[in-house]
Amino acid sequence: VVLQPTGPFKVAKLSQVSHKCMLLP
């Protein structure tokens, strides 16, 4: 269970993305 993310923007290379997630209300 999560809230909307806060904090600074970050940057990553595409190779650092491992998998996709689903966000449901």
PDBML (XML) file of the C-alpha atoms, coordinates in Angstrom:
<?xml version="1.0" encoding="UTF-8" ?>
<PDBx:datablock datablockName="MODEL"
   xmlns:PDBx="http://pdbml.pdb.org/schema/pdbx-v50.xsd"
   xmlns:xsi="http://www.w3.org/2001/XMLSchema-instance"
   xsi:schemaLocation="http://pdbml.pdb.org/schema/pdbx-v50.xsd pdbx-v50.xsd">
   <PDBx:atom_siteCategory>
      <PDBx:atom_site id="1">
         <PDBx:B_iso_or_equiv>0.00</PDBx:B_iso_or_equiv>
         <PDBx:Cartn_x>0.000</PDBx:Cartn_x>
         <PDBx:Cartn_y>0.000</PDBx:Cartn_y>
         <PDBx:Cartn_z>0.000</PDBx:Cartn_z>
         <PDBx:auth_asym_id>A</PDBx:auth_asym_id>
         <PDBx:auth_atom_id>CA</PDBx:auth_atom_id>
         <PDBx:auth_comp_id>VAL</PDBx:auth_comp_id>
         <PDBx:auth_seq_id>1</PDBx:auth_seq_id>
         <PDBx:group_PDB>ATOM</PDBx:group_PDB>
         <PDBx:label_alt_id xsi:nil="true" />
         <PDBx:label_asym_id>A</PDBx:label_asym_id>
         <PDBx:label_atom_id>CA</PDBx:label_atom_id>
         <PDBx:label_comp_id>VAL</PDBx:label_comp_id>
         <PDBx:label_entity_id>1</PDBx:label_entity_id>
         <PDBx:label_seq_id>1</PDBx:label_seq_id>
         <PDBx:occupancy>1.00</PDBx:occupancy>
         <PDBx:pdbx_PDB_model_num>1</PDBx:pdbx_PDB_model_num>
         <PDBx:type_symbol>C</PDBx:type_symbol>
      </PDBx:atom_site>
      <PDBx:atom_site id="2">
         <PDBx:B_iso_or_equiv>0.00</PDBx:B_iso_or_equiv>
         <PDBx:Cartn_x>1.517</PDBx:Cartn_x>
         <PDBx:Cartn_y>3.329</PDBx:Cartn_y>
         <PDBx:Cartn_z>-1.060</PDBx:Cartn_z>
         <PDBx:auth_asym_id>A</PDBx:auth_asym_id>
         <PDBx:auth_atom_id>CA</PDBx:auth_atom_id>
         <PDBx:auth_comp_id>VAL</PDBx:auth_comp_id>
         <PDBx:auth_seq_id>2</PDBx:auth_seq_id>
         <PDBx:group_PDB>ATOM</PDBx:group_PDB>
         <PDBx:label_alt_id xsi:nil="true" />
         <PDBx:label_asym_id>A</PDBx:label_asym_id>
         <PDBx:label_atom_id>CA</PDBx:label_atom_id>
         <PDBx:label_comp_id>VAL</PDBx:label_comp_id>
         <PDBx:label_entity_id>1</PDBx:label_entity_id>
         <PDBx:label_seq_id>2</PDBx:label_seq_id>
         <PDBx:occupancy>1.00</PDBx:occupancy>
         <PDBx:pdbx_PDB_model_num>1</PDBx:pdbx_PDB_model_num>
         <PDBx:type_symbol>C</PDBx:type_symbol>
      </PDBx:atom_site>
      <PDBx:atom_site id="3">
         <PDBx:B_iso_or_equiv>0.00</PDBx:B_iso_or_equiv>
         <PDBx:Cartn_x>0.868</PDBx:Cartn_x>
         <PDBx:Cartn_y>7.057</PDBx:Cartn_y>
         <PDBx:Cartn_z>-1.232</PDBx:Cartn_z>
         <PDBx:auth_asym_id>A</PDBx:auth_asym_id>
         <PDBx:auth_atom_id>CA</PDBx:auth_atom_id>
         <PDBx:auth_comp_id>LEU</PDBx:auth_comp_id>
         <PDBx:auth_seq_id>3</PDBx:auth_seq_id>
         <PDBx:group_PDB>ATOM</PDBx:group_PDB>
         <PDBx:label_alt_id xsi:nil="true" />
         <PDBx:label_asym_id>A</PDBx:label_asym_id>
         <PDBx:label_atom_id>CA</PDBx:label_atom_id>
         <PDBx:label_comp_id>LEU</PDBx:label_comp_id>
         <PDBx:label_entity_id>1</PDBx:label_entity_id>
         <PDBx:label_seq_id>3</PDBx:label_seq_id>
         <PDBx:occupancy>1.00</PDBx:occupancy>
         <PDBx:pdbx_PDB_model_num>1</PDBx:pdbx_PDB_model_num>
         <PDBx:type_symbol>C</PDBx:type_symbol>
      </PDBx:atom_site>
      <PDBx:atom_site id="4">
         <PDBx:B_iso_or_equiv>0.00</PDBx:B_iso_or_equiv>
         <PDBx:Cartn_x>1.811</PDBx:Cartn_x>
         <PDBx:Cartn_y>9.339</PDBx:Cartn_y>
         <PDBx:Cartn_z>-4.105</PDBx:Cartn_z>
         <PDBx:auth_asym_id>A</PDBx:auth_asym_id>
         <PDBx:auth_atom_id>CA</PDBx:auth_atom_id>
         <PDBx:auth_comp_id>GLN</PDBx:auth_comp_id>
         <PDBx:auth_seq_id>4</PDBx:auth_seq_id>
         <PDBx:group_PDB>ATOM</PDBx:group_PDB>
         <PDBx:label_alt_id xsi:nil="true" />
         <PDBx:label_asym_id>A</PDBx:label_asym_id>
         <PDBx:label_atom_id>CA</PDBx:label_atom_id>
         <PDBx:label_comp_id>GLN</PDBx:label_comp_id>
         <PDBx:label_entity_id>1</PDBx:label_entity_id>
         <PDBx:label_seq_id>4</PDBx:label_seq_id>
         <PDBx:occupancy>1.00</PDBx:occupancy>
         <PDBx:pdbx_PDB_model_num>1</PDBx:pdbx_PDB_model_num>
         <PDBx:type_symbol>C</PDBx:type_symbol>
      </PDBx:atom_site>
      <PDBx:atom_site id="5">
         <PDBx:B_iso_or_equiv>0.00</PDBx:B_iso_or_equiv>
         <PDBx:Cartn_x>5.626</PDBx:Cartn_x>
         <PDBx:Cartn_y>9.595</PDBx:Cartn_y>
         <PDBx:Cartn_z>-4.291</PDBx:Cartn_z>
         <PDBx:auth_asym_id>A</PDBx:auth_asym_id>
         <PDBx:auth_atom_id>CA</PDBx:auth_atom_id>
         <PDBx:auth_comp_id>PRO</PDBx:auth_comp_id>
         <PDBx:auth_seq_id>5</PDBx:auth_seq_id>
         <PDBx:group_PDB>ATOM</PDBx:group_PDB>
         <PDBx:label_alt_id xsi:nil="true" />
         <PDBx:label_asym_id>A</PDBx:label_asym_id>
         <PDBx:label_atom_id>CA</PDBx:label_atom_id>
         <PDBx:label_comp_id>PRO</PDBx:label_comp_id>
         <PDBx:label_entity_id>1</PDBx:label_entity_id>
         <PDBx:label_seq_id>5</PDBx:label_seq_id>
         <PDBx:occupancy>1.00</PDBx:occupancy>
         <PDBx:pdbx_PDB_model_num>1</PDBx:pdbx_PDB_model_num>
         <PDBx:type_symbol>C</PDBx:type_symbol>
      </PDBx:atom_site>
      <PDBx:atom_site id="6">
         <PDBx:B_iso_or_equiv>0.00</PDBx:B_iso_or_equiv>
         <PDBx:Cartn_x>7.389</PDBx:Cartn_x>
         <PDBx:Cartn_y>12.621</PDBx:Cartn_y>
         <PDBx:Cartn_z>-2.910</PDBx:Cartn_z>
         <PDBx:auth_asym_id>A</PDBx:auth_asym_id>
         <PDBx:auth_atom_id>CA</PDBx:auth_atom_id>
         <PDBx:auth_comp_id>THR</PDBx:auth_comp_id>
         <PDBx:auth_seq_id>6</PDBx:auth_seq_id>
         <PDBx:group_PDB>ATOM</PDBx:group_PDB>
         <PDBx:label_alt_id xsi:nil="true" />
         <PDBx:label_asym_id>A</PDBx:label_asym_id>
         <PDBx:label_atom_id>CA</PDBx:label_atom_id>
         <PDBx:label_comp_id>THR</PDBx:label_comp_id>
         <PDBx:label_entity_id>1</PDBx:label_entity_id>
         <PDBx:label_seq_id>6</PDBx:label_seq_id>
         <PDBx:occupancy>1.00</PDBx:occupancy>
         <PDBx:pdbx_PDB_model_num>1</PDBx:pdbx_PDB_model_num>
         <PDBx:type_symbol>C</PDBx:type_symbol>
      </PDBx:atom_site>
      <PDBx:atom_site id="7">
         <PDBx:B_iso_or_equiv>0.00</PDBx:B_iso_or_equiv>
         <PDBx:Cartn_x>10.944</PDBx:Cartn_x>
         <PDBx:Cartn_y>13.840</PDBx:Cartn_y>
         <PDBx:Cartn_z>-2.969</PDBx:Cartn_z>
         <PDBx:auth_asym_id>A</PDBx:auth_asym_id>
         <PDBx:auth_atom_id>CA</PDBx:auth_atom_id>
         <PDBx:auth_comp_id>GLY</PDBx:auth_comp_id>
         <PDBx:auth_seq_id>7</PDBx:auth_seq_id>
         <PDBx:group_PDB>ATOM</PDBx:group_PDB>
         <PDBx:label_alt_id xsi:nil="true" />
         <PDBx:label_asym_id>A</PDBx:label_asym_id>
         <PDBx:label_atom_id>CA</PDBx:label_atom_id>
         <PDBx:label_comp_id>GLY</PDBx:label_comp_id>
         <PDBx:label_entity_id>1</PDBx:label_entity_id>
         <PDBx:label_seq_id>7</PDBx:label_seq_id>
         <PDBx:occupancy>1.00</PDBx:occupancy>
         <PDBx:pdbx_PDB_model_num>1</PDBx:pdbx_PDB_model_num>
         <PDBx:type_symbol>C</PDBx:type_symbol>
      </PDBx:atom_site>
      <PDBx:atom_site id="8">
         <PDBx:B_iso_or_equiv>0.00</PDBx:B_iso_or_equiv>
         <PDBx:Cartn_x>13.276</PDBx:Cartn_x>
         <PDBx:Cartn_y>14.890</PDBx:Cartn_y>
         <PDBx:Cartn_z>-5.774</PDBx:Cartn_z>
         <PDBx:auth_asym_id>A</PDBx:auth_asym_id>
         <PDBx:auth_atom_id>CA</PDBx:auth_atom_id>
         <PDBx:auth_comp_id>PRO</PDBx:auth_comp_id>
         <PDBx:auth_seq_id>8</PDBx:auth_seq_id>
         <PDBx:group_PDB>ATOM</PDBx:group_PDB>
         <PDBx:label_alt_id xsi:nil="true" />
         <PDBx:label_asym_id>A</PDBx:label_asym_id>
         <PDBx:label_atom_id>CA</PDBx:label_atom_id>
         <PDBx:label_comp_id>PRO</PDBx:label_comp_id>
         <PDBx:label_entity_id>1</PDBx:label_entity_id>
         <PDBx:label_seq_id>8</PDBx:label_seq_id>
         <PDBx:occupancy>1.00</PDBx:occupancy>
         <PDBx:pdbx_PDB_model_num>1</PDBx:pdbx_PDB_model_num>
         <PDBx:type_symbol>C</PDBx:type_symbol>
      </PDBx:atom_site>
      <PDBx:atom_site id="9">
         <PDBx:B_iso_or_equiv>0.00</PDBx:B_iso_or_equiv>
         <PDBx:Cartn_x>13.317</PDBx:Cartn_x>
         <PDBx:Cartn_y>13.647</PDBx:Cartn_y>
         <PDBx:Cartn_z>-9.345</PDBx:Cartn_z>
         <PDBx:auth_asym_id>A</PDBx:auth_asym_id>
         <PDBx:auth_atom_id>CA</PDBx:auth_atom_id>
         <PDBx:auth_comp_id>PHE</PDBx:auth_comp_id>
         <PDBx:auth_seq_id>9</PDBx:auth_seq_id>
         <PDBx:group_PDB>ATOM</PDBx:group_PDB>
         <PDBx:label_alt_id xsi:nil="true" />
         <PDBx:label_asym_id>A</PDBx:label_asym_id>
         <PDBx:label_atom_id>CA</PDBx:label_atom_id>
         <PDBx:label_comp_id>PHE</PDBx:label_comp_id>
         <PDBx:label_entity_id>1</PDBx:label_entity_id>
         <PDBx:label_seq_id>9</PDBx:label_seq_id>
         <PDBx:occupancy>1.00</PDBx:occupancy>
         <PDBx:pdbx_PDB_model_num>1</PDBx:pdbx_PDB_model_num>
         <PDBx:type_symbol>C</PDBx:type_symbol>
      </PDBx:atom_site>
      <PDBx:atom_site id="10">
         <PDBx:B_iso_or_equiv>0.00</PDBx:B_iso_or_equiv>
         <PDBx:Cartn_x>15.835</PDBx:Cartn_x>
         <PDBx:Cartn_y>10.903</PDBx:Cartn_y>
         <PDBx:Cartn_z>-10.071</PDBx:Cartn_z>
         <PDBx:auth_asym_id>A</PDBx:auth_asym_id>
         <PDBx:auth_atom_id>CA</PDBx:auth_atom_id>
         <PDBx:auth_comp_id>LYS</PDBx:auth_comp_id>
         <PDBx:auth_seq_id>10</PDBx:auth_seq_id>
         <PDBx:group_PDB>ATOM</PDBx:group_PDB>
         <PDBx:label_alt_id xsi:nil="true" />
         <PDBx:label_asym_id>A</PDBx:label_asym_id>
         <PDBx:label_atom_id>CA</PDBx:label_atom_id>
         <PDBx:label_comp_id>LYS</PDBx:label_comp_id>
         <PDBx:label_entity_id>1</PDBx:label_entity_id>
         <PDBx:label_seq_id>10</PDBx:label_seq_id>
         <PDBx:occupancy>1.00</PDBx:occupancy>
         <PDBx:pdbx_PDB_model_num>1</PDBx:pdbx_PDB_model_num>
         <PDBx:type_symbol>C</PDBx:type_symbol>
      </PDBx:atom_site>
      <PDBx:atom_site id="11">
         <PDBx:B_iso_or_equiv>0.00</PDBx:B_iso_or_equiv>
         <PDBx:Cartn_x>17.333</PDBx:Cartn_x>
         <PDBx:Cartn_y>9.581</PDBx:Cartn_y>
         <PDBx:Cartn_z>-13.299</PDBx:Cartn_z>
         <PDBx:auth_asym_id>A</PDBx:auth_asym_id>
         <PDBx:auth_atom_id>CA</PDBx:auth_atom_id>
         <PDBx:auth_comp_id>VAL</PDBx:auth_comp_id>
         <PDBx:auth_seq_id>11</PDBx:auth_seq_id>
         <PDBx:group_PDB>ATOM</PDBx:group_PDB>
         <PDBx:label_alt_id xsi:nil="true" />
         <PDBx:label_asym_id>A</PDBx:label_asym_id>
         <PDBx:label_atom_id>CA</PDBx:label_atom_id>
         <PDBx:label_comp_id>VAL</PDBx:label_comp_id>
         <PDBx:label_entity_id>1</PDBx:label_entity_id>
         <PDBx:label_seq_id>11</PDBx:label_seq_id>
         <PDBx:occupancy>1.00</PDBx:occupancy>
         <PDBx:pdbx_PDB_model_num>1</PDBx:pdbx_PDB_model_num>
         <PDBx:type_symbol>C</PDBx:type_symbol>
      </PDBx:atom_site>
      <PDBx:atom_site id="12">
         <PDBx:B_iso_or_equiv>0.00</PDBx:B_iso_or_equiv>
         <PDBx:Cartn_x>18.137</PDBx:Cartn_x>
         <PDBx:Cartn_y>6.002</PDBx:Cartn_y>
         <PDBx:Cartn_z>-14.337</PDBx:Cartn_z>
         <PDBx:auth_asym_id>A</PDBx:auth_asym_id>
         <PDBx:auth_atom_id>CA</PDBx:auth_atom_id>
         <PDBx:auth_comp_id>ALA</PDBx:auth_comp_id>
         <PDBx:auth_seq_id>12</PDBx:auth_seq_id>
         <PDBx:group_PDB>ATOM</PDBx:group_PDB>
         <PDBx:label_alt_id xsi:nil="true" />
         <PDBx:label_asym_id>A</PDBx:label_asym_id>
         <PDBx:label_atom_id>CA</PDBx:label_atom_id>
         <PDBx:label_comp_id>ALA</PDBx:label_comp_id>
         <PDBx:label_entity_id>1</PDBx:label_entity_id>
         <PDBx:label_seq_id>12</PDBx:label_seq_id>
         <PDBx:occupancy>1.00</PDBx:occupancy>
         <PDBx:pdbx_PDB_model_num>1</PDBx:pdbx_PDB_model_num>
         <PDBx:type_symbol>C</PDBx:type_symbol>
      </PDBx:atom_site>
      <PDBx:atom_site id="13">
         <PDBx:B_iso_or_equiv>0.00</PDBx:B_iso_or_equiv>
         <PDBx:Cartn_x>19.269</PDBx:Cartn_x>
         <PDBx:Cartn_y>4.281</PDBx:Cartn_y>
         <PDBx:Cartn_z>-17.487</PDBx:Cartn_z>
         <PDBx:auth_asym_id>A</PDBx:auth_asym_id>
         <PDBx:auth_atom_id>CA</PDBx:auth_atom_id>
         <PDBx:auth_comp_id>LYS</PDBx:auth_comp_id>
         <PDBx:auth_seq_id>13</PDBx:auth_seq_id>
         <PDBx:group_PDB>ATOM</PDBx:group_PDB>
         <PDBx:label_alt_id xsi:nil="true" />
         <PDBx:label_asym_id>A</PDBx:label_asym_id>
         <PDBx:label_atom_id>CA</PDBx:label_atom_id>
         <PDBx:label_comp_id>LYS</PDBx:label_comp_id>
         <PDBx:label_entity_id>1</PDBx:label_entity_id>
         <PDBx:label_seq_id>13</PDBx:label_seq_id>
         <PDBx:occupancy>1.00</PDBx:occupancy>
         <PDBx:pdbx_PDB_model_num>1</PDBx:pdbx_PDB_model_num>
         <PDBx:type_symbol>C</PDBx:type_symbol>
      </PDBx:atom_site>
      <PDBx:atom_site id="14">
         <PDBx:B_iso_or_equiv>0.00</PDBx:B_iso_or_equiv>
         <PDBx:Cartn_x>16.737</PDBx:Cartn_x>
         <PDBx:Cartn_y>2.086</PDBx:Cartn_y>
         <PDBx:Cartn_z>-19.244</PDBx:Cartn_z>
         <PDBx:auth_asym_id>A</PDBx:auth_asym_id>
         <PDBx:auth_atom_id>CA</PDBx:auth_atom_id>
         <PDBx:auth_comp_id>LEU</PDBx:auth_comp_id>
         <PDBx:auth_seq_id>14</PDBx:auth_seq_id>
         <PDBx:group_PDB>ATOM</PDBx:group_PDB>
         <PDBx:label_alt_id xsi:nil="true" />
         <PDBx:label_asym_id>A</PDBx:label_asym_id>
         <PDBx:label_atom_id>CA</PDBx:label_atom_id>
         <PDBx:label_comp_id>LEU</PDBx:label_comp_id>
         <PDBx:label_entity_id>1</PDBx:label_entity_id>
         <PDBx:label_seq_id>14</PDBx:label_seq_id>
         <PDBx:occupancy>1.00</PDBx:occupancy>
         <PDBx:pdbx_PDB_model_num>1</PDBx:pdbx_PDB_model_num>
         <PDBx:type_symbol>C</PDBx:type_symbol>
      </PDBx:atom_site>
      <PDBx:atom_site id="15">
         <PDBx:B_iso_or_equiv>0.00</PDBx:B_iso_or_equiv>
         <PDBx:Cartn_x>18.836</PDBx:Cartn_x>
         <PDBx:Cartn_y>-0.978</PDBx:Cartn_y>
         <PDBx:Cartn_z>-18.358</PDBx:Cartn_z>
         <PDBx:auth_asym_id>A</PDBx:auth_asym_id>
         <PDBx:auth_atom_id>CA</PDBx:auth_atom_id>
         <PDBx:auth_comp_id>SER</PDBx:auth_comp_id>
         <PDBx:auth_seq_id>15</PDBx:auth_seq_id>
         <PDBx:group_PDB>ATOM</PDBx:group_PDB>
         <PDBx:label_alt_id xsi:nil="true" />
         <PDBx:label_asym_id>A</PDBx:label_asym_id>
         <PDBx:label_atom_id>CA</PDBx:label_atom_id>
         <PDBx:label_comp_id>SER</PDBx:label_comp_id>
         <PDBx:label_entity_id>1</PDBx:label_entity_id>
         <PDBx:label_seq_id>15</PDBx:label_seq_id>
         <PDBx:occupancy>1.00</PDBx:occupancy>
         <PDBx:pdbx_PDB_model_num>1</PDBx:pdbx_PDB_model_num>
         <PDBx:type_symbol>C</PDBx:type_symbol>
      </PDBx:atom_site>
      <PDBx:atom_site id="16">
         <PDBx:B_iso_or_equiv>0.00</PDBx:B_iso_or_equiv>
         <PDBx:Cartn_x>18.139</PDBx:Cartn_x>
         <PDBx:Cartn_y>-0.297</PDBx:Cartn_y>
         <PDBx:Cartn_z>-14.665</PDBx:Cartn_z>
         <PDBx:auth_asym_id>A</PDBx:auth_asym_id>
         <PDBx:auth_atom_id>CA</PDBx:auth_atom_id>
         <PDBx:auth_comp_id>GLN</PDBx:auth_comp_id>
         <PDBx:auth_seq_id>16</PDBx:auth_seq_id>
         <PDBx:group_PDB>ATOM</PDBx:group_PDB>
         <PDBx:label_alt_id xsi:nil="true" />
         <PDBx:label_asym_id>A</PDBx:label_asym_id>
         <PDBx:label_atom_id>CA</PDBx:label_atom_id>
         <PDBx:label_comp_id>GLN</PDBx:label_comp_id>
         <PDBx:label_entity_id>1</PDBx:label_entity_id>
         <PDBx:label_seq_id>16</PDBx:label_seq_id>
         <PDBx:occupancy>1.00</PDBx:occupancy>
         <PDBx:pdbx_PDB_model_num>1</PDBx:pdbx_PDB_model_num>
         <PDBx:type_symbol>C</PDBx:type_symbol>
      </PDBx:atom_site>
      <PDBx:atom_site id="17">
         <PDBx:B_iso_or_equiv>0.00</PDBx:B_iso_or_equiv>
         <PDBx:Cartn_x>14.386</PDBx:Cartn_x>
         <PDBx:Cartn_y>-0.830</PDBx:Cartn_y>
         <PDBx:Cartn_z>-15.156</PDBx:Cartn_z>
         <PDBx:auth_asym_id>A</PDBx:auth_asym_id>
         <PDBx:auth_atom_id>CA</PDBx:auth_atom_id>
         <PDBx:auth_comp_id>VAL</PDBx:auth_comp_id>
         <PDBx:auth_seq_id>17</PDBx:auth_seq_id>
         <PDBx:group_PDB>ATOM</PDBx:group_PDB>
         <PDBx:label_alt_id xsi:nil="true" />
         <PDBx:label_asym_id>A</PDBx:label_asym_id>
         <PDBx:label_atom_id>CA</PDBx:label_atom_id>
         <PDBx:label_comp_id>VAL</PDBx:label_comp_id>
         <PDBx:label_entity_id>1</PDBx:label_entity_id>
         <PDBx:label_seq_id>17</PDBx:label_seq_id>
         <PDBx:occupancy>1.00</PDBx:occupancy>
         <PDBx:pdbx_PDB_model_num>1</PDBx:pdbx_PDB_model_num>
         <PDBx:type_symbol>C</PDBx:type_symbol>
      </PDBx:atom_site>
      <PDBx:atom_site id="18">
         <PDBx:B_iso_or_equiv>0.00</PDBx:B_iso_or_equiv>
         <PDBx:Cartn_x>13.620</PDBx:Cartn_x>
         <PDBx:Cartn_y>-4.429</PDBx:Cartn_y>
         <PDBx:Cartn_z>-14.133</PDBx:Cartn_z>
         <PDBx:auth_asym_id>A</PDBx:auth_asym_id>
         <PDBx:auth_atom_id>CA</PDBx:auth_atom_id>
         <PDBx:auth_comp_id>SER</PDBx:auth_comp_id>
         <PDBx:auth_seq_id>18</PDBx:auth_seq_id>
         <PDBx:group_PDB>ATOM</PDBx:group_PDB>
         <PDBx:label_alt_id xsi:nil="true" />
         <PDBx:label_asym_id>A</PDBx:label_asym_id>
         <PDBx:label_atom_id>CA</PDBx:label_atom_id>
         <PDBx:label_comp_id>SER</PDBx:label_comp_id>
         <PDBx:label_entity_id>1</PDBx:label_entity_id>
         <PDBx:label_seq_id>18</PDBx:label_seq_id>
         <PDBx:occupancy>1.00</PDBx:occupancy>
         <PDBx:pdbx_PDB_model_num>1</PDBx:pdbx_PDB_model_num>
         <PDBx:type_symbol>C</PDBx:type_symbol>
      </PDBx:atom_site>
      <PDBx:atom_site id="19">
         <PDBx:B_iso_or_equiv>0.00</PDBx:B_iso_or_equiv>
         <PDBx:Cartn_x>9.865</PDBx:Cartn_x>
         <PDBx:Cartn_y>-4.899</PDBx:Cartn_y>
         <PDBx:Cartn_z>-14.474</PDBx:Cartn_z>
         <PDBx:auth_asym_id>A</PDBx:auth_asym_id>
         <PDBx:auth_atom_id>CA</PDBx:auth_atom_id>
         <PDBx:auth_comp_id>HIS</PDBx:auth_comp_id>
         <PDBx:auth_seq_id>19</PDBx:auth_seq_id>
         <PDBx:group_PDB>ATOM</PDBx:group_PDB>
         <PDBx:label_alt_id xsi:nil="true" />
         <PDBx:label_asym_id>A</PDBx:label_asym_id>
         <PDBx:label_atom_id>CA</PDBx:label_atom_id>
         <PDBx:label_comp_id>HIS</PDBx:label_comp_id>
         <PDBx:label_entity_id>1</PDBx:label_entity_id>
         <PDBx:label_seq_id>19</PDBx:label_seq_id>
         <PDBx:occupancy>1.00</PDBx:occupancy>
         <PDBx:pdbx_PDB_model_num>1</PDBx:pdbx_PDB_model_num>
         <PDBx:type_symbol>C</PDBx:type_symbol>
      </PDBx:atom_site>
      <PDBx:atom_site id="20">
         <PDBx:B_iso_or_equiv>0.00</PDBx:B_iso_or_equiv>
         <PDBx:Cartn_x>6.510</PDBx:Cartn_x>
         <PDBx:Cartn_y>-3.175</PDBx:Cartn_y>
         <PDBx:Cartn_z>-14.752</PDBx:Cartn_z>
         <PDBx:auth_asym_id>A</PDBx:auth_asym_id>
         <PDBx:auth_atom_id>CA</PDBx:auth_atom_id>
         <PDBx:auth_comp_id>LYS</PDBx:auth_comp_id>
         <PDBx:auth_seq_id>20</PDBx:auth_seq_id>
         <PDBx:group_PDB>ATOM</PDBx:group_PDB>
         <PDBx:label_alt_id xsi:nil="true" />
         <PDBx:label_asym_id>A</PDBx:label_asym_id>
         <PDBx:label_atom_id>CA</PDBx:label_atom_id>
         <PDBx:label_comp_id>LYS</PDBx:label_comp_id>
         <PDBx:label_entity_id>1</PDBx:label_entity_id>
         <PDBx:label_seq_id>20</PDBx:label_seq_id>
         <PDBx:occupancy>1.00</PDBx:occupancy>
         <PDBx:pdbx_PDB_model_num>1</PDBx:pdbx_PDB_model_num>
         <PDBx:type_symbol>C</PDBx:type_symbol>
      </PDBx:atom_site>
      <PDBx:atom_site id="21">
         <PDBx:B_iso_or_equiv>0.00</PDBx:B_iso_or_equiv>
         <PDBx:Cartn_x>4.009</PDBx:Cartn_x>
         <PDBx:Cartn_y>-2.753</PDBx:Cartn_y>
         <PDBx:Cartn_z>-11.917</PDBx:Cartn_z>
         <PDBx:auth_asym_id>A</PDBx:auth_asym_id>
         <PDBx:auth_atom_id>CA</PDBx:auth_atom_id>
         <PDBx:auth_comp_id>CYS</PDBx:auth_comp_id>
         <PDBx:auth_seq_id>21</PDBx:auth_seq_id>
         <PDBx:group_PDB>ATOM</PDBx:group_PDB>
         <PDBx:label_alt_id xsi:nil="true" />
         <PDBx:label_asym_id>A</PDBx:label_asym_id>
         <PDBx:label_atom_id>CA</PDBx:label_atom_id>
         <PDBx:label_comp_id>CYS</PDBx:label_comp_id>
         <PDBx:label_entity_id>1</PDBx:label_entity_id>
         <PDBx:label_seq_id>21</PDBx:label_seq_id>
         <PDBx:occupancy>1.00</PDBx:occupancy>
         <PDBx:pdbx_PDB_model_num>1</PDBx:pdbx_PDB_model_num>
         <PDBx:type_symbol>C</PDBx:type_symbol>
      </PDBx:atom_site>
      <PDBx:atom_site id="22">
         <PDBx:B_iso_or_equiv>0.00</PDBx:B_iso_or_equiv>
         <PDBx:Cartn_x>0.297</PDBx:Cartn_x>
         <PDBx:Cartn_y>-2.064</PDBx:Cartn_y>
         <PDBx:Cartn_z>-11.576</PDBx:Cartn_z>
         <PDBx:auth_asym_id>A</PDBx:auth_asym_id>
         <PDBx:auth_atom_id>CA</PDBx:auth_atom_id>
         <PDBx:auth_comp_id>MET</PDBx:auth_comp_id>
         <PDBx:auth_seq_id>22</PDBx:auth_seq_id>
         <PDBx:group_PDB>ATOM</PDBx:group_PDB>
         <PDBx:label_alt_id xsi:nil="true" />
         <PDBx:label_asym_id>A</PDBx:label_asym_id>
         <PDBx:label_atom_id>CA</PDBx:label_atom_id>
         <PDBx:label_comp_id>MET</PDBx:label_comp_id>
         <PDBx:label_entity_id>1</PDBx:label_entity_id>
         <PDBx:label_seq_id>22</PDBx:label_seq_id>
         <PDBx:occupancy>1.00</PDBx:occupancy>
         <PDBx:pdbx_PDB_model_num>1</PDBx:pdbx_PDB_model_num>
         <PDBx:type_symbol>C</PDBx:type_symbol>
      </PDBx:atom_site>
      <PDBx:atom_site id="23">
         <PDBx:B_iso_or_equiv>0.00</PDBx:B_iso_or_equiv>
         <PDBx:Cartn_x>-1.040</PDBx:Cartn_x>
         <PDBx:Cartn_y>0.710</PDBx:Cartn_y>
         <PDBx:Cartn_z>-9.337</PDBx:Cartn_z>
         <PDBx:auth_asym_id>A</PDBx:auth_asym_id>
         <PDBx:auth_atom_id>CA</PDBx:auth_atom_id>
         <PDBx:auth_comp_id>LEU</PDBx:auth_comp_id>
         <PDBx:auth_seq_id>23</PDBx:auth_seq_id>
         <PDBx:group_PDB>ATOM</PDBx:group_PDB>
         <PDBx:label_alt_id xsi:nil="true" />
         <PDBx:label_asym_id>A</PDBx:label_asym_id>
         <PDBx:label_atom_id>CA</PDBx:label_atom_id>
         <PDBx:label_comp_id>LEU</PDBx:label_comp_id>
         <PDBx:label_entity_id>1</PDBx:label_entity_id>
         <PDBx:label_seq_id>23</PDBx:label_seq_id>
         <PDBx:occupancy>1.00</PDBx:occupancy>
         <PDBx:pdbx_PDB_model_num>1</PDBx:pdbx_PDB_model_num>
         <PDBx:type_symbol>C</PDBx:type_symbol>
      </PDBx:atom_site>
      <PDBx:atom_site id="24">
         <PDBx:B_iso_or_equiv>0.00</PDBx:B_iso_or_equiv>
         <PDBx:Cartn_x>-4.664</PDBx:Cartn_x>
         <PDBx:Cartn_y>0.328</PDBx:Cartn_y>
         <PDBx:Cartn_z>-8.207</PDBx:Cartn_z>
         <PDBx:auth_asym_id>A</PDBx:auth_asym_id>
         <PDBx:auth_atom_id>CA</PDBx:auth_atom_id>
         <PDBx:auth_comp_id>LEU</PDBx:auth_comp_id>
         <PDBx:auth_seq_id>24</PDBx:auth_seq_id>
         <PDBx:group_PDB>ATOM</PDBx:group_PDB>
         <PDBx:label_alt_id xsi:nil="true" />
         <PDBx:label_asym_id>A</PDBx:label_asym_id>
         <PDBx:label_atom_id>CA</PDBx:label_atom_id>
         <PDBx:label_comp_id>LEU</PDBx:label_comp_id>
         <PDBx:label_entity_id>1</PDBx:label_entity_id>
         <PDBx:label_seq_id>24</PDBx:label_seq_id>
         <PDBx:occupancy>1.00</PDBx:occupancy>
         <PDBx:pdbx_PDB_model_num>1</PDBx:pdbx_PDB_model_num>
         <PDBx:type_symbol>C</PDBx:type_symbol>
      </PDBx:atom_site>
      <PDBx:atom_site id="25">
         <PDBx:B_iso_or_equiv>0.00</PDBx:B_iso_or_equiv>
         <PDBx:Cartn_x>-6.781</PDBx:Cartn_x>
         <PDBx:Cartn_y>2.717</PDBx:Cartn_y>
         <PDBx:Cartn_z>-6.090</PDBx:Cartn_z>
         <PDBx:auth_asym_id>A</PDBx:auth_asym_id>
         <PDBx:auth_atom_id>CA</PDBx:auth_atom_id>
         <PDBx:auth_comp_id>PRO</PDBx:auth_comp_id>
         <PDBx:auth_seq_id>25</PDBx:auth_seq_id>
         <PDBx:group_PDB>ATOM</PDBx:group_PDB>
         <PDBx:label_alt_id xsi:nil="true" />
         <PDBx:label_asym_id>A</PDBx:label_asym_id>
         <PDBx:label_atom_id>CA</PDBx:label_atom_id>
         <PDBx:label_comp_id>PRO</PDBx:label_comp_id>
         <PDBx:label_entity_id>1</PDBx:label_entity_id>
         <PDBx:label_seq_id>25</PDBx:label_seq_id>
         <PDBx:occupancy>1.00</PDBx:occupancy>
         <PDBx:pdbx_PDB_model_num>1</PDBx:pdbx_PDB_model_num>
         <PDBx:type_symbol>C</PDBx:type_symbol>
      </PDBx:atom_site>
   </PDBx:atom_siteCategory>
</PDBx:datablock>
